[in-house]
Amino acid sequence: MYFDSPYVAKVNLSLGEGCLSSNECASGCCVIERKRHVCKNLAQLNENCSTGQVKGGFYPKFCPCADDNNLCKRQKGRRGRSTQICTAPTETTTTF
């Protein structure tokens, strides 16, 4: 049976606009925030980040790191809670 959805996907939505999936946001990131999906900027260095999308194409609370070279690392936050922060990769030196 064929299903016609009344929803038409939007594209290039601005920051703060409602979204259903990251594909709709100009920034490439849709997060669920206070029971609402909104477009947000990708996380910059030392900002909170998220590593994976929730089923449906959006992120929980925070966007992934903007720079693919940065890592979203888990760190101890306030009150003992862990958070994920965009961090620069550490350089490794090889000695011969």
Protein backbone atom coordinates (compact mmCIF):
# COMPACT_ATOMS: atom_id res chain seq x y z
CA MET A 1 0.00 0.00 0.00
CA TYR A 2 1.34 3.43 -0.93
CA PHE A 3 1.54 6.07 1.79
CA ASP A 4 1.35 9.78 0.94
CA SER A 5 2.93 11.92 3.62
CA PRO A 6 1.58 15.46 4.00
CA TYR A 7 5.04 16.58 5.21
CA VAL A 8 7.32 18.17 2.63
CA ALA A 9 10.98 18.24 3.64
CA LYS A 10 12.44 21.71 4.06
CA VAL A 11 15.98 22.73 3.15
CA ASN A 12 18.51 25.36 4.24
CA LEU A 13 16.69 26.18 7.47
CA SER A 14 18.28 28.93 9.58
CA LEU A 15 19.59 28.59 13.13
CA GLY A 16 16.77 28.23 15.64
CA GLU A 17 14.19 27.11 13.07
CA GLY A 18 12.25 23.91 13.65
CA CYS A 19 13.55 20.81 11.84
CA LEU A 20 12.94 17.09 11.63
CA SER A 21 16.38 16.06 10.39
CA SER A 22 19.90 17.47 10.08
CA ASN A 23 19.52 17.33 6.28
CA GLU A 24 17.06 20.22 6.52
CA CYS A 25 19.44 22.61 8.32
CA ALA A 26 21.87 24.88 6.48
CA SER A 27 24.35 24.18 9.31
CA GLY A 28 23.90 20.41 8.88
CA CYS A 29 22.80 19.89 12.48
CA CYS A 30 19.33 19.43 13.97
CA VAL A 31 19.20 18.86 17.75
CA ILE A 32 16.43 18.00 20.15
CA GLU A 33 16.24 20.72 22.76
CA ARG A 34 13.47 20.96 25.34
CA LYS A 35 11.23 18.54 23.40
CA ARG A 36 11.69 20.58 20.23
CA HIS A 37 13.92 20.00 17.20
CA VAL A 38 15.93 23.08 16.14
CA CYS A 39 18.82 23.87 13.79
CA LYS A 40 22.09 24.72 15.55
CA ASN A 41 25.70 25.44 14.60
CA LEU A 42 28.24 22.66 14.59
CA ALA A 43 30.35 22.62 17.76
CA GLN A 44 33.60 24.58 17.81
CA LEU A 45 36.78 23.78 19.75
CA ASN A 46 36.11 23.50 23.53
CA GLU A 47 32.30 23.50 23.08
CA ASN A 48 29.92 20.70 24.05
CA CYS A 49 29.43 18.18 21.26
CA SER A 50 27.70 14.93 20.35
CA THR A 51 29.12 11.97 18.45
CA GLY A 52 26.07 10.23 17.06
CA GLN A 53 22.66 10.91 15.66
CA VAL A 54 19.52 9.57 17.22
CA LYS A 55 17.31 7.47 14.97
CA GLY A 56 15.58 9.95 12.69
CA GLY A 57 18.55 12.14 11.76
CA PHE A 58 18.90 14.53 14.68
CA TYR A 59 21.36 14.88 17.58
CA PRO A 60 20.66 14.81 21.32
CA LYS A 61 21.30 18.32 22.78
CA PHE A 62 24.56 19.12 20.95
CA CYS A 63 25.97 19.06 17.42
CA PRO A 64 29.11 17.22 16.33
CA CYS A 65 32.43 19.06 15.97
CA ALA A 66 32.61 21.40 12.97
CA ASP A 67 36.21 20.46 12.19
CA ASP A 68 36.48 16.79 11.25
CA ASN A 69 40.00 16.74 12.71
CA ASN A 70 38.71 17.61 16.19
CA LEU A 71 37.59 14.86 18.53
CA CYS A 72 34.45 14.78 20.63
CA LYS A 73 35.88 13.46 23.91
CA ARG A 74 34.05 12.53 27.09
CA GLN A 75 35.15 14.59 30.11
CA LYS A 76 34.02 14.94 33.69
CA GLY A 77 31.76 17.93 34.00
CA ARG A 78 30.33 19.80 36.93
CA ARG A 79 28.83 17.77 39.75
CA GLY A 80 30.52 14.61 38.48
CA ARG A 81 28.46 14.38 35.31
CA SER A 82 30.29 13.54 32.12
CA THR A 83 30.02 15.71 29.04
CA GLN A 84 31.54 15.58 25.58
CA ILE A 85 33.78 18.44 24.45
CA CYS A 86 35.35 19.19 21.05
CA THR A 87 39.09 18.86 21.54
CA ALA A 88 42.02 19.19 19.18
CA PRO A 89 43.78 15.93 18.42
CA THR A 90 46.97 15.48 20.39
CA GLU A 91 50.13 15.29 18.37
CA THR A 92 52.07 12.11 18.79
CA THR A 93 55.79 12.11 18.36
CA THR A 94 57.69 9.10 17.26
CA THR A 95 61.20 8.54 18.54
CA PHE A 96 63.64 6.37 16.66
